[in-house]
Amino acid sequence: MITPPDRTPLPRDFFDRPVLEVAPDLLGRLLIRSTPDGPIALRLTEVEAYDGPNDPGSHAYRGRTARNDVMFGPPGHVYVYFTYGMWHCMNLVCGPEGTASGVLLRAGEIVEGAELARERRLSARNDKELAKGPARLATALDVDRALDGTDACTPGETPLRILAGTPVPSEQVRSGPRTGVAGDGGVHPWRFWVADDPTVSPYRAHVPRRRSR
């Protein structure tokens, strides 16, 4: 008999821990996006940890700005940023207030509301690709900067919530270099994923962008 995922909301103290503890523990958890058309539920299968001032790859490495303000806490809130002038990506803030660490949600399996996700991800060849990558995940869930700062630990019908789901056993968790991160921040093995899961995005090393002449 298959045990259904636990739909108990994760408490705030789950996120009030070091980011390298929280990141792998998020695998298998459920992210619920409430929309006017109905809910979309996603099982997290791939994440990346970012450790604020201790991490050259973090948006908060050089301190607090208007863009990264949400990263400084409280924990359990959603940090959404816009990148390459095209895409949104979402993170969950971790650690004590003021630490500016967070977990980038890189990929997941849509387990409820796939028909709604398909409407936003028309280029997906199949349902395994609906949220296969951080920008695809945000697009499938209709997440943009309007949701920056959302409290994902608030009970009830809120735009974004994190539920307990079904945690992934440690023997099924893999780790490796973060995708597309340059310089000193690229050496950390702080990407975590579920072994052999088809929704996990492929690893890509950082490729410097060419400047037009």
N, C-alpha and C. Protein backbone atom coordinates (compact mmCIF):
# COMPACT_ATOMS: atom_id res chain seq x y z
N MET A 1 0.85 -1.20 0.00
CA MET A 1 0.00 0.00 0.00
C MET A 1 0.88 1.25 0.00
N ILE A 2 0.59 2.19 -0.89
CA ILE A 2 1.36 3.42 -0.98
C ILE A 2 0.78 4.45 -0.02
N THR A 3 1.62 4.98 0.85
CA THR A 3 1.18 5.99 1.80
C THR A 3 1.08 7.34 1.11
N PRO A 4 -0.06 8.01 1.18
CA PRO A 4 -0.18 9.32 0.53
C PRO A 4 0.72 10.34 1.21
N PRO A 5 1.13 11.37 0.48
CA PRO A 5 2.00 12.39 1.07
C PRO A 5 1.32 13.13 2.21
N ASP A 6 2.10 13.49 3.21
CA ASP A 6 1.61 14.22 4.37
C ASP A 6 1.34 15.68 3.96
N ARG A 7 0.13 16.14 4.17
CA ARG A 7 -0.24 17.49 3.76
C ARG A 7 -0.22 18.48 4.93
N THR A 8 0.52 18.14 5.98
CA THR A 8 0.71 19.05 7.10
C THR A 8 1.66 20.17 6.70
N PRO A 9 1.33 21.43 6.92
CA PRO A 9 2.25 22.52 6.58
C PRO A 9 3.56 22.40 7.36
N LEU A 10 4.66 22.68 6.70
CA LEU A 10 5.94 22.70 7.40
C LEU A 10 6.00 23.92 8.31
N PRO A 11 6.43 23.74 9.56
CA PRO A 11 6.50 24.88 10.49
C PRO A 11 7.69 25.78 10.16
N ARG A 12 7.66 26.98 10.67
CA ARG A 12 8.73 27.94 10.39
C ARG A 12 10.08 27.45 10.89
N ASP A 13 10.09 26.72 12.00
CA ASP A 13 11.39 26.28 12.53
C ASP A 13 12.07 25.25 11.62
N PHE A 14 11.32 24.65 10.70
CA PHE A 14 11.95 23.79 9.69
C PHE A 14 12.97 24.59 8.89
N PHE A 15 12.63 25.84 8.57
CA PHE A 15 13.50 26.69 7.76
C PHE A 15 14.52 27.45 8.61
N ASP A 16 14.31 27.52 9.91
CA ASP A 16 15.20 28.27 10.79
C ASP A 16 16.40 27.39 11.19
N ARG A 17 17.09 26.90 10.17
CA ARG A 17 18.26 26.03 10.34
C ARG A 17 19.29 26.41 9.29
N PRO A 18 20.53 25.91 9.42
CA PRO A 18 21.53 26.16 8.38
C PRO A 18 21.03 25.68 7.01
N VAL A 19 21.33 26.46 5.97
CA VAL A 19 20.80 26.18 4.64
C VAL A 19 21.21 24.81 4.11
N LEU A 20 22.39 24.31 4.50
CA LEU A 20 22.83 23.00 4.02
C LEU A 20 22.12 21.86 4.72
N GLU A 21 21.41 22.14 5.78
CA GLU A 21 20.52 21.15 6.39
C GLU A 21 19.15 21.19 5.73
N VAL A 22 18.68 22.39 5.48
CA VAL A 22 17.33 22.55 4.93
C VAL A 22 17.25 22.04 3.49
N ALA A 23 18.26 22.38 2.66
CA ALA A 23 18.17 22.08 1.22
C ALA A 23 17.86 20.61 0.91
N PRO A 24 18.69 19.64 1.37
CA PRO A 24 18.36 18.25 1.04
C PRO A 24 17.07 17.77 1.70
N ASP A 25 16.70 18.39 2.82
CA ASP A 25 15.49 17.99 3.53
C ASP A 25 14.23 18.47 2.81
N LEU A 26 14.38 19.37 1.84
CA LEU A 26 13.22 19.83 1.07
C LEU A 26 12.81 18.84 -0.02
N LEU A 27 13.69 17.94 -0.39
CA LEU A 27 13.37 16.97 -1.44
C LEU A 27 12.21 16.08 -1.01
N GLY A 28 11.22 15.97 -1.87
CA GLY A 28 10.03 15.17 -1.57
C GLY A 28 8.92 15.97 -0.92
N ARG A 29 9.21 17.19 -0.52
CA ARG A 29 8.17 18.04 0.07
C ARG A 29 7.24 18.56 -1.02
N LEU A 30 6.05 19.01 -0.61
CA LEU A 30 5.06 19.51 -1.56
C LEU A 30 5.00 21.04 -1.53
N LEU A 31 5.07 21.64 -2.69
CA LEU A 31 4.84 23.07 -2.85
C LEU A 31 3.47 23.26 -3.47
N ILE A 32 2.61 24.00 -2.80
CA ILE A 32 1.25 24.23 -3.27
C ILE A 32 1.11 25.67 -3.75
N ARG A 33 0.72 25.81 -5.01
CA ARG A 33 0.45 27.14 -5.58
C ARG A 33 -1.05 27.27 -5.75
N SER A 34 -1.66 28.19 -5.02
CA SER A 34 -3.09 28.43 -5.14
C SER A 34 -3.32 29.51 -6.20
N THR A 35 -4.17 29.22 -7.17
CA THR A 35 -4.50 30.18 -8.23
C THR A 35 -6.01 30.31 -8.32
N PRO A 36 -6.50 31.36 -8.98
CA PRO A 36 -7.96 31.50 -9.15
C PRO A 36 -8.58 30.33 -9.90
N ASP A 37 -7.78 29.62 -10.71
CA ASP A 37 -8.29 28.49 -11.48
C ASP A 37 -8.18 27.17 -10.75
N GLY A 38 -7.56 27.17 -9.58
CA GLY A 38 -7.38 25.95 -8.82
C GLY A 38 -5.94 25.79 -8.36
N PRO A 39 -5.66 24.78 -7.52
CA PRO A 39 -4.32 24.59 -6.99
C PRO A 39 -3.42 23.79 -7.94
N ILE A 40 -2.13 24.05 -7.83
CA ILE A 40 -1.11 23.24 -8.49
C ILE A 40 -0.18 22.74 -7.39
N ALA A 41 0.05 21.44 -7.35
CA ALA A 41 0.94 20.85 -6.35
C ALA A 41 2.17 20.28 -7.03
N LEU A 42 3.33 20.57 -6.45
CA LEU A 42 4.60 20.12 -7.02
C LEU A 42 5.43 19.41 -5.96
N ARG A 43 5.94 18.23 -6.30
CA ARG A 43 6.85 17.49 -5.42
C ARG A 43 8.29 17.90 -5.77
N LEU A 44 9.01 18.46 -4.82
CA LEU A 44 10.35 18.95 -5.09
C LEU A 44 11.34 17.81 -5.32
N THR A 45 12.10 17.90 -6.42
CA THR A 45 13.07 16.85 -6.75
C THR A 45 14.49 17.37 -6.91
N GLU A 46 14.66 18.69 -6.96
CA GLU A 46 16.00 19.26 -7.14
C GLU A 46 16.05 20.67 -6.56
N VAL A 47 17.10 20.95 -5.78
CA VAL A 47 17.26 22.26 -5.14
C VAL A 47 18.74 22.64 -5.12
N GLU A 48 19.02 23.92 -4.84
CA GLU A 48 20.39 24.39 -4.66
C GLU A 48 20.44 25.31 -3.44
N ALA A 49 21.48 25.15 -2.63
CA ALA A 49 21.66 25.98 -1.44
C ALA A 49 22.55 27.17 -1.74
N TYR A 50 22.19 28.33 -1.14
CA TYR A 50 22.99 29.55 -1.26
C TYR A 50 23.15 30.16 0.13
N ASP A 51 24.42 30.42 0.51
CA ASP A 51 24.75 30.75 1.90
C ASP A 51 25.17 32.19 2.11
N GLY A 52 24.45 33.12 1.52
CA GLY A 52 24.61 34.54 1.80
C GLY A 52 26.03 35.07 1.76
N PRO A 53 26.47 35.75 2.81
CA PRO A 53 27.79 36.40 2.81
C PRO A 53 28.96 35.42 2.76
N ASN A 54 28.70 34.15 3.01
CA ASN A 54 29.76 33.13 2.94
C ASN A 54 29.86 32.49 1.57
N ASP A 55 29.08 32.98 0.60
CA ASP A 55 28.92 32.29 -0.67
C ASP A 55 28.98 33.27 -1.85
N PRO A 56 30.07 33.29 -2.61
CA PRO A 56 30.18 34.21 -3.75
C PRO A 56 29.09 34.02 -4.79
N GLY A 57 28.43 32.87 -4.80
CA GLY A 57 27.36 32.63 -5.76
C GLY A 57 26.02 33.19 -5.33
N SER A 58 25.92 33.69 -4.11
CA SER A 58 24.65 34.16 -3.57
C SER A 58 24.37 35.61 -3.97
N HIS A 59 23.10 35.94 -4.16
CA HIS A 59 22.70 37.31 -4.44
C HIS A 59 22.97 38.23 -3.25
N ALA A 60 23.12 37.65 -2.05
CA ALA A 60 23.34 38.44 -0.84
C ALA A 60 24.81 38.52 -0.45
N TYR A 61 25.70 38.05 -1.30
CA TYR A 61 27.13 37.99 -0.95
C TYR A 61 27.69 39.37 -0.62
N ARG A 62 27.23 40.40 -1.31
CA ARG A 62 27.76 41.75 -1.10
C ARG A 62 26.86 42.62 -0.23
N GLY A 63 25.90 41.99 0.44
CA GLY A 63 25.08 42.74 1.37
C GLY A 63 23.65 42.93 0.92
N ARG A 64 22.93 43.67 1.72
CA ARG A 64 21.50 43.86 1.54
C ARG A 64 21.20 44.92 0.49
N THR A 65 20.24 44.62 -0.38
CA THR A 65 19.78 45.57 -1.40
C THR A 65 18.26 45.50 -1.48
N ALA A 66 17.68 46.39 -2.25
CA ALA A 66 16.22 46.34 -2.44
C ALA A 66 15.81 45.04 -3.10
N ARG A 67 16.66 44.53 -4.00
CA ARG A 67 16.31 43.31 -4.72
C ARG A 67 16.32 42.09 -3.81
N ASN A 68 17.32 41.96 -2.93
CA ASN A 68 17.48 40.73 -2.15
C ASN A 68 16.97 40.85 -0.72
N ASP A 69 16.24 41.90 -0.40
CA ASP A 69 15.84 42.18 0.97
C ASP A 69 15.14 40.99 1.65
N VAL A 70 14.31 40.29 0.90
CA VAL A 70 13.55 39.17 1.47
C VAL A 70 14.48 38.06 1.96
N MET A 71 15.66 37.92 1.35
CA MET A 71 16.60 36.86 1.75
C MET A 71 17.06 36.99 3.19
N PHE A 72 16.94 38.17 3.77
CA PHE A 72 17.42 38.40 5.12
C PHE A 72 16.40 38.00 6.19
N GLY A 73 15.33 37.40 5.76
CA GLY A 73 14.39 36.82 6.71
C GLY A 73 13.13 37.65 6.86
N PRO A 74 12.20 37.08 7.65
CA PRO A 74 12.26 35.85 8.42
C PRO A 74 12.30 34.59 7.55
N PRO A 75 12.71 33.45 8.15
CA PRO A 75 12.74 32.20 7.39
C PRO A 75 11.34 31.75 7.00
N GLY A 76 11.29 30.94 5.93
CA GLY A 76 10.01 30.42 5.48
C GLY A 76 9.30 31.31 4.50
N HIS A 77 9.94 32.42 4.09
CA HIS A 77 9.36 33.31 3.09
C HIS A 77 9.94 32.98 1.71
N VAL A 78 9.26 33.46 0.68
CA VAL A 78 9.65 33.19 -0.71
C VAL A 78 10.41 34.39 -1.28
N TYR A 79 11.58 34.11 -1.83
CA TYR A 79 12.36 35.13 -2.52
C TYR A 79 12.29 34.84 -4.02
N VAL A 80 11.74 35.78 -4.78
CA VAL A 80 11.60 35.62 -6.23
C VAL A 80 12.46 36.67 -6.92
N TYR A 81 13.25 36.24 -7.90
CA TYR A 81 14.04 37.20 -8.66
C TYR A 81 13.83 37.00 -10.15
N PHE A 82 14.14 38.06 -10.90
CA PHE A 82 13.99 38.09 -12.35
C PHE A 82 15.39 38.02 -12.96
N THR A 83 15.59 37.15 -13.94
CA THR A 83 16.93 36.95 -14.47
C THR A 83 16.95 36.95 -16.00
N TYR A 84 18.06 37.40 -16.57
CA TYR A 84 18.26 37.43 -18.02
C TYR A 84 17.16 38.21 -18.75
N GLY A 85 16.44 39.06 -18.04
CA GLY A 85 15.40 39.86 -18.66
C GLY A 85 14.22 39.05 -19.16
N MET A 86 14.12 37.78 -18.73
CA MET A 86 13.07 36.91 -19.26
C MET A 86 12.38 36.04 -18.23
N TRP A 87 13.14 35.55 -17.22
CA TRP A 87 12.64 34.46 -16.39
C TRP A 87 12.60 34.84 -14.91
N HIS A 88 11.68 34.20 -14.20
CA HIS A 88 11.63 34.30 -12.75
C HIS A 88 12.12 32.98 -12.15
N CYS A 89 12.71 33.07 -10.97
CA CYS A 89 13.12 31.90 -10.21
C CYS A 89 12.72 32.13 -8.76
N MET A 90 12.43 31.05 -8.04
CA MET A 90 11.98 31.21 -6.66
C MET A 90 12.85 30.43 -5.68
N ASN A 91 12.98 31.01 -4.50
CA ASN A 91 13.80 30.45 -3.42
C ASN A 91 12.99 30.45 -2.13
N LEU A 92 13.41 29.61 -1.18
CA LEU A 92 12.84 29.63 0.16
C LEU A 92 13.92 30.09 1.12
N VAL A 93 13.62 31.11 1.91
CA VAL A 93 14.58 31.71 2.83
C VAL A 93 14.79 30.82 4.03
N CYS A 94 16.06 30.69 4.44
CA CYS A 94 16.42 29.80 5.54
C CYS A 94 17.24 30.53 6.60
N GLY A 95 17.42 29.86 7.73
CA GLY A 95 18.30 30.36 8.78
C GLY A 95 17.67 31.47 9.61
N PRO A 96 18.35 31.86 10.68
CA PRO A 96 17.83 32.94 11.54
C PRO A 96 17.69 34.24 10.76
N GLU A 97 16.75 35.06 11.18
CA GLU A 97 16.55 36.34 10.51
C GLU A 97 17.85 37.13 10.50
N GLY A 98 18.21 37.65 9.31
CA GLY A 98 19.43 38.42 9.15
C GLY A 98 20.58 37.65 8.52
N THR A 99 20.41 36.33 8.28
CA THR A 99 21.50 35.53 7.73
C THR A 99 21.53 35.50 6.21
N ALA A 100 20.43 35.77 5.56
CA ALA A 100 20.35 35.87 4.09
C ALA A 100 20.73 34.61 3.34
N SER A 101 20.35 33.45 3.85
CA SER A 101 20.57 32.21 3.11
C SER A 101 19.25 31.74 2.52
N GLY A 102 19.33 30.92 1.46
CA GLY A 102 18.12 30.46 0.83
C GLY A 102 18.35 29.26 -0.06
N VAL A 103 17.26 28.62 -0.44
CA VAL A 103 17.30 27.43 -1.30
C VAL A 103 16.56 27.73 -2.59
N LEU A 104 17.28 27.63 -3.71
CA LEU A 104 16.67 27.77 -5.03
C LEU A 104 15.92 26.49 -5.37
N LEU A 105 14.67 26.62 -5.77
CA LEU A 105 13.87 25.46 -6.17
C LEU A 105 14.12 25.22 -7.65
N ARG A 106 14.86 24.15 -7.96
CA ARG A 106 15.32 23.93 -9.32
C ARG A 106 14.38 23.07 -10.16
N ALA A 107 13.72 22.10 -9.56
CA ALA A 107 12.88 21.20 -10.37
C ALA A 107 11.91 20.44 -9.49
N GLY A 108 10.87 19.92 -10.13
CA GLY A 108 9.90 19.14 -9.39
C GLY A 108 8.92 18.43 -10.32
N GLU A 109 8.12 17.58 -9.72
CA GLU A 109 7.08 16.83 -10.43
C GLU A 109 5.72 17.43 -10.10
N ILE A 110 4.98 17.82 -11.12
CA ILE A 110 3.62 18.32 -10.91
C ILE A 110 2.72 17.12 -10.59
N VAL A 111 2.19 17.08 -9.39
CA VAL A 111 1.37 15.94 -8.97
C VAL A 111 -0.11 16.29 -8.88
N GLU A 112 -0.44 17.56 -9.05
CA GLU A 112 -1.83 18.00 -9.05
C GLU A 112 -1.92 19.29 -9.85
N GLY A 113 -2.96 19.42 -10.66
CA GLY A 113 -3.13 20.63 -11.44
C GLY A 113 -2.26 20.69 -12.68
N ALA A 114 -1.88 19.53 -13.22
CA ALA A 114 -1.01 19.51 -14.40
C ALA A 114 -1.64 20.23 -15.58
N GLU A 115 -2.96 20.19 -15.69
CA GLU A 115 -3.62 20.86 -16.81
C GLU A 115 -3.40 22.37 -16.76
N LEU A 116 -3.31 22.93 -15.54
CA LEU A 116 -3.04 24.36 -15.39
C LEU A 116 -1.59 24.68 -15.73
N ALA A 117 -0.69 23.80 -15.31
CA ALA A 117 0.73 24.00 -15.62
C ALA A 117 0.98 23.91 -17.12
N ARG A 118 0.29 23.00 -17.79
CA ARG A 118 0.48 22.84 -19.24
C ARG A 118 0.10 24.12 -20.00
N GLU A 119 -0.90 24.83 -19.50
CA GLU A 119 -1.33 26.07 -20.16
C GLU A 119 -0.23 27.12 -20.13
N ARG A 120 0.65 27.05 -19.14
CA ARG A 120 1.73 28.03 -19.00
C ARG A 120 3.03 27.53 -19.59
N ARG A 121 3.12 26.23 -19.83
CA ARG A 121 4.35 25.62 -20.33
C ARG A 121 4.05 24.90 -21.64
N LEU A 122 3.63 25.67 -22.64
CA LEU A 122 3.21 25.08 -23.91
C LEU A 122 4.36 24.39 -24.64
N SER A 123 5.60 24.77 -24.35
CA SER A 123 6.75 24.16 -25.04
C SER A 123 7.18 22.83 -24.42
N ALA A 124 6.62 22.47 -23.27
CA ALA A 124 6.99 21.20 -22.63
C ALA A 124 6.54 20.02 -23.50
N ARG A 125 7.46 19.10 -23.76
CA ARG A 125 7.13 17.95 -24.60
C ARG A 125 6.32 16.89 -23.86
N ASN A 126 6.43 16.88 -22.54
CA ASN A 126 5.66 15.95 -21.71
C ASN A 126 5.59 16.52 -20.30
N ASP A 127 4.84 15.86 -19.44
CA ASP A 127 4.63 16.39 -18.09
C ASP A 127 5.90 16.36 -17.24
N LYS A 128 6.85 15.50 -17.57
CA LYS A 128 8.10 15.46 -16.80
C LYS A 128 8.92 16.73 -17.01
N GLU A 129 8.65 17.45 -18.10
CA GLU A 129 9.38 18.68 -18.39
C GLU A 129 8.68 19.95 -17.90
N LEU A 130 7.51 19.82 -17.31
CA LEU A 130 6.75 21.00 -16.92
C LEU A 130 7.53 21.89 -15.95
N ALA A 131 8.24 21.30 -15.01
CA ALA A 131 8.98 22.07 -14.00
C ALA A 131 10.42 21.59 -13.90
N LYS A 132 11.01 21.25 -15.03
CA LYS A 132 12.36 20.70 -15.09
C LYS A 132 13.37 21.82 -15.31
N GLY A 133 13.71 22.52 -14.23
CA GLY A 133 14.57 23.69 -14.27
C GLY A 133 13.91 24.83 -13.51
N PRO A 134 14.69 25.73 -12.91
CA PRO A 134 14.10 26.75 -12.02
C PRO A 134 13.18 27.73 -12.72
N ALA A 135 13.50 28.16 -13.94
CA ALA A 135 12.63 29.08 -14.65
C ALA A 135 11.35 28.38 -15.10
N ARG A 136 11.48 27.13 -15.54
CA ARG A 136 10.31 26.36 -15.94
C ARG A 136 9.39 26.13 -14.74
N LEU A 137 9.98 25.85 -13.58
CA LEU A 137 9.20 25.63 -12.37
C LEU A 137 8.38 26.88 -12.04
N ALA A 138 9.03 28.04 -12.05
CA ALA A 138 8.31 29.27 -11.73
C ALA A 138 7.23 29.57 -12.77
N THR A 139 7.53 29.31 -14.04
CA THR A 139 6.55 29.55 -15.10
C THR A 139 5.34 28.62 -14.94
N ALA A 140 5.60 27.34 -14.69
CA ALA A 140 4.52 26.37 -14.53
C ALA A 140 3.59 26.73 -13.38
N LEU A 141 4.16 27.32 -12.32
CA LEU A 141 3.38 27.67 -11.14
C LEU A 141 2.88 29.12 -11.17
N ASP A 142 3.16 29.83 -12.26
CA ASP A 142 2.73 31.22 -12.39
C ASP A 142 3.28 32.07 -11.24
N VAL A 143 4.59 31.97 -11.04
CA VAL A 143 5.28 32.72 -9.98
C VAL A 143 6.08 33.85 -10.60
N ASP A 144 5.87 35.07 -10.09
CA ASP A 144 6.65 36.21 -10.53
C ASP A 144 6.96 37.10 -9.33
N ARG A 145 7.51 38.29 -9.59
CA ARG A 145 7.95 39.16 -8.50
C ARG A 145 6.80 39.61 -7.60
N ALA A 146 5.58 39.50 -8.07
CA ALA A 146 4.44 39.87 -7.23
C ALA A 146 4.35 38.98 -6.00
N LEU A 147 4.95 37.78 -6.06
CA LEU A 147 4.92 36.84 -4.94
C LEU A 147 6.18 36.92 -4.08
N ASP A 148 7.10 37.81 -4.42
CA ASP A 148 8.29 38.00 -3.60
C ASP A 148 7.88 38.42 -2.19
N GLY A 149 8.40 37.70 -1.19
CA GLY A 149 8.06 38.00 0.20
C GLY A 149 6.89 37.21 0.75
N THR A 150 6.26 36.37 -0.06
CA THR A 150 5.14 35.55 0.41
C THR A 150 5.58 34.65 1.56
N ASP A 151 4.77 34.57 2.59
CA ASP A 151 5.04 33.68 3.72
C ASP A 151 4.52 32.29 3.38
N ALA A 152 5.43 31.34 3.15
CA ALA A 152 5.04 29.97 2.76
C ALA A 152 4.66 29.11 3.95
N CYS A 153 4.75 29.66 5.16
CA CYS A 153 4.41 28.91 6.37
C CYS A 153 3.07 29.31 6.97
N THR A 154 2.39 30.24 6.32
CA THR A 154 1.09 30.68 6.83
C THR A 154 0.02 29.62 6.52
N PRO A 155 -0.73 29.18 7.51
CA PRO A 155 -1.78 28.18 7.24
C PRO A 155 -2.93 28.77 6.46
N GLY A 156 -3.69 27.89 5.84
CA GLY A 156 -4.86 28.34 5.09
C GLY A 156 -4.55 28.59 3.64
N GLU A 157 -5.49 29.21 2.93
CA GLU A 157 -5.36 29.44 1.49
C GLU A 157 -4.49 30.66 1.23
N THR A 158 -3.22 30.42 1.03
CA THR A 158 -2.27 31.47 0.67
C THR A 158 -1.70 31.14 -0.70
N PRO A 159 -1.08 32.10 -1.39
CA PRO A 159 -0.60 31.84 -2.76
C PRO A 159 0.40 30.69 -2.85
N LEU A 160 1.26 30.56 -1.84
CA LEU A 160 2.28 29.50 -1.84
C LEU A 160 2.39 28.91 -0.44
N ARG A 161 2.41 27.58 -0.38
CA ARG A 161 2.57 26.88 0.90
C ARG A 161 3.49 25.68 0.71
N ILE A 162 4.22 25.33 1.76
CA ILE A 162 5.07 24.14 1.75
C ILE A 162 4.50 23.12 2.73
N LEU A 163 4.21 21.93 2.22
CA LEU A 163 3.66 20.85 3.05
C LEU A 163 4.70 19.76 3.24
N ALA A 164 4.50 18.93 4.26
CA ALA A 164 5.49 17.92 4.64
C ALA A 164 5.77 16.92 3.53
N GLY A 165 4.75 16.54 2.76
CA GLY A 165 4.96 15.60 1.66
C GLY A 165 5.52 14.27 2.11
N THR A 166 6.44 13.72 1.31
CA THR A 166 7.10 12.45 1.63
C THR A 166 8.61 12.66 1.53
N PRO A 167 9.29 12.90 2.65
CA PRO A 167 10.73 13.15 2.60
C PRO A 167 11.48 12.02 1.90
N VAL A 168 12.53 12.38 1.17
CA VAL A 168 13.32 11.40 0.42
C VAL A 168 14.37 10.79 1.34
N PRO A 169 14.49 9.45 1.40
CA PRO A 169 15.53 8.82 2.23
C PRO A 169 16.92 9.30 1.82
N SER A 170 17.81 9.43 2.77
CA SER A 170 19.15 9.98 2.52
C SER A 170 19.91 9.20 1.46
N GLU A 171 19.68 7.89 1.36
CA GLU A 171 20.40 7.09 0.37
C GLU A 171 19.96 7.38 -1.06
N GLN A 172 18.83 8.08 -1.22
CA GLN A 172 18.35 8.44 -2.55
C GLN A 172 18.69 9.89 -2.92
N VAL A 173 19.38 10.60 -2.03
CA VAL A 173 19.74 11.99 -2.28
C VAL A 173 21.14 12.06 -2.87
N ARG A 174 21.30 12.78 -3.96
CA ARG A 174 22.61 13.00 -4.58
C ARG A 174 22.98 14.47 -4.45
N SER A 175 24.27 14.77 -4.54
CA SER A 175 24.72 16.16 -4.49
C SER A 175 25.86 16.36 -5.47
N GLY A 176 26.03 17.61 -5.91
CA GLY A 176 27.08 17.93 -6.85
C GLY A 176 27.17 19.42 -7.05
N PRO A 177 28.02 19.89 -7.99
CA PRO A 177 28.19 21.32 -8.22
C PRO A 177 26.89 21.98 -8.66
N ARG A 178 26.76 23.24 -8.30
CA ARG A 178 25.58 23.98 -8.70
C ARG A 178 25.65 24.29 -10.20
N THR A 179 24.50 24.41 -10.79
CA THR A 179 24.40 24.62 -12.23
C THR A 179 24.62 26.08 -12.61
N GLY A 180 25.53 26.32 -13.57
CA GLY A 180 25.69 27.64 -14.14
C GLY A 180 26.26 28.70 -13.22
N VAL A 181 26.89 28.31 -12.10
CA VAL A 181 27.46 29.27 -11.16
C VAL A 181 28.94 29.45 -11.47
N ALA A 182 29.37 30.71 -11.58
CA ALA A 182 30.75 31.00 -11.98
C ALA A 182 31.67 31.21 -10.79
N GLY A 183 32.98 31.19 -11.06
CA GLY A 183 33.99 31.56 -10.08
C GLY A 183 34.02 30.69 -8.84
N ASP A 184 34.38 31.30 -7.71
CA ASP A 184 34.50 30.55 -6.45
C ASP A 184 33.18 29.94 -6.01
N GLY A 185 32.07 30.58 -6.39
CA GLY A 185 30.77 30.04 -6.01
C GLY A 185 30.39 28.78 -6.75
N GLY A 186 31.10 28.48 -7.84
CA GLY A 186 30.75 27.31 -8.65
C GLY A 186 31.33 26.00 -8.16
N VAL A 187 32.21 26.05 -7.17
CA VAL A 187 32.89 24.82 -6.74
C VAL A 187 32.12 24.07 -5.66
N HIS A 188 31.16 24.71 -5.04
CA HIS A 188 30.45 24.07 -3.94
C HIS A 188 29.52 22.97 -4.44
N PRO A 189 29.53 21.79 -3.82
CA PRO A 189 28.60 20.73 -4.20
C PRO A 189 27.26 20.90 -3.49
N TRP A 190 26.61 22.03 -3.75
CA TRP A 190 25.43 22.41 -2.99
C TRP A 190 24.15 22.28 -3.80
N ARG A 191 24.19 21.50 -4.88
CA ARG A 191 22.97 21.13 -5.58
C ARG A 191 22.58 19.74 -5.11
N PHE A 192 21.31 19.55 -4.75
CA PHE A 192 20.82 18.28 -4.23
C PHE A 192 19.64 17.83 -5.08
N TRP A 193 19.59 16.54 -5.38
CA TRP A 193 18.50 16.03 -6.20
C TRP A 193 18.16 14.59 -5.84
N VAL A 194 16.98 14.15 -6.30
CA VAL A 194 16.53 12.78 -6.08
C VAL A 194 17.14 11.90 -7.16
N ALA A 195 17.84 10.87 -6.75
CA ALA A 195 18.53 9.99 -7.69
C ALA A 195 17.57 9.40 -8.71
N ASP A 196 17.96 9.46 -9.98
CA ASP A 196 17.25 8.83 -11.09
C ASP A 196 15.84 9.36 -11.32
N ASP A 197 15.53 10.53 -10.79
CA ASP A 197 14.20 11.09 -11.02
C ASP A 197 14.18 11.80 -12.38
N PRO A 198 13.21 11.50 -13.23
CA PRO A 198 13.20 12.07 -14.59
C PRO A 198 12.87 13.56 -14.65
N THR A 199 12.43 14.14 -13.55
CA THR A 199 12.12 15.57 -13.57
C THR A 199 13.32 16.44 -13.21
N VAL A 200 14.43 15.84 -12.80
CA VAL A 200 15.62 16.60 -12.43
C VAL A 200 16.26 17.20 -13.67
N SER A 201 16.70 18.44 -13.58
CA SER A 201 17.28 19.11 -14.74
C SER A 201 18.72 18.65 -14.97
N PRO A 202 19.21 18.71 -16.21
CA PRO A 202 20.58 18.30 -16.50
C PRO A 202 21.59 19.32 -15.96
N TYR A 203 22.75 18.84 -15.54
CA TYR A 203 23.79 19.74 -15.05
C TYR A 203 24.45 20.47 -16.20
N ARG A 204 24.65 21.77 -16.02
CA ARG A 204 25.36 22.58 -17.00
C ARG A 204 26.35 23.46 -16.28
N ALA A 205 27.62 23.39 -16.68
CA ALA A 205 28.63 24.26 -16.10
C ALA A 205 28.41 25.69 -16.57
N HIS A 206 28.98 26.64 -15.84
CA HIS A 206 28.85 28.04 -16.22
C HIS A 206 29.55 28.32 -17.54
N VAL A 207 28.87 29.05 -18.41
CA VAL A 207 29.46 29.49 -19.68
C VAL A 207 29.40 31.01 -19.70
N PRO A 208 30.57 31.70 -19.73
CA PRO A 208 30.56 33.18 -19.72
C PRO A 208 29.75 33.73 -20.89
N ARG A 209 28.99 34.76 -20.64
CA ARG A 209 28.21 35.40 -21.69
C ARG A 209 29.11 36.32 -22.50
N ARG A 210 28.98 36.23 -23.80
CA ARG A 210 29.79 37.08 -24.67
C ARG A 210 29.17 38.46 -24.78
N ARG A 211 30.03 39.45 -24.70
CA ARG A 211 29.56 40.82 -24.84
C ARG A 211 29.57 41.22 -26.32
N SER A 212 28.50 41.85 -26.72
CA SER A 212 28.44 42.30 -28.11
C SER A 212 29.41 43.48 -28.31
N ARG A 213 30.04 43.53 -29.47
CA ARG A 213 31.00 44.59 -29.75
C ARG A 213 30.31 45.83 -30.30
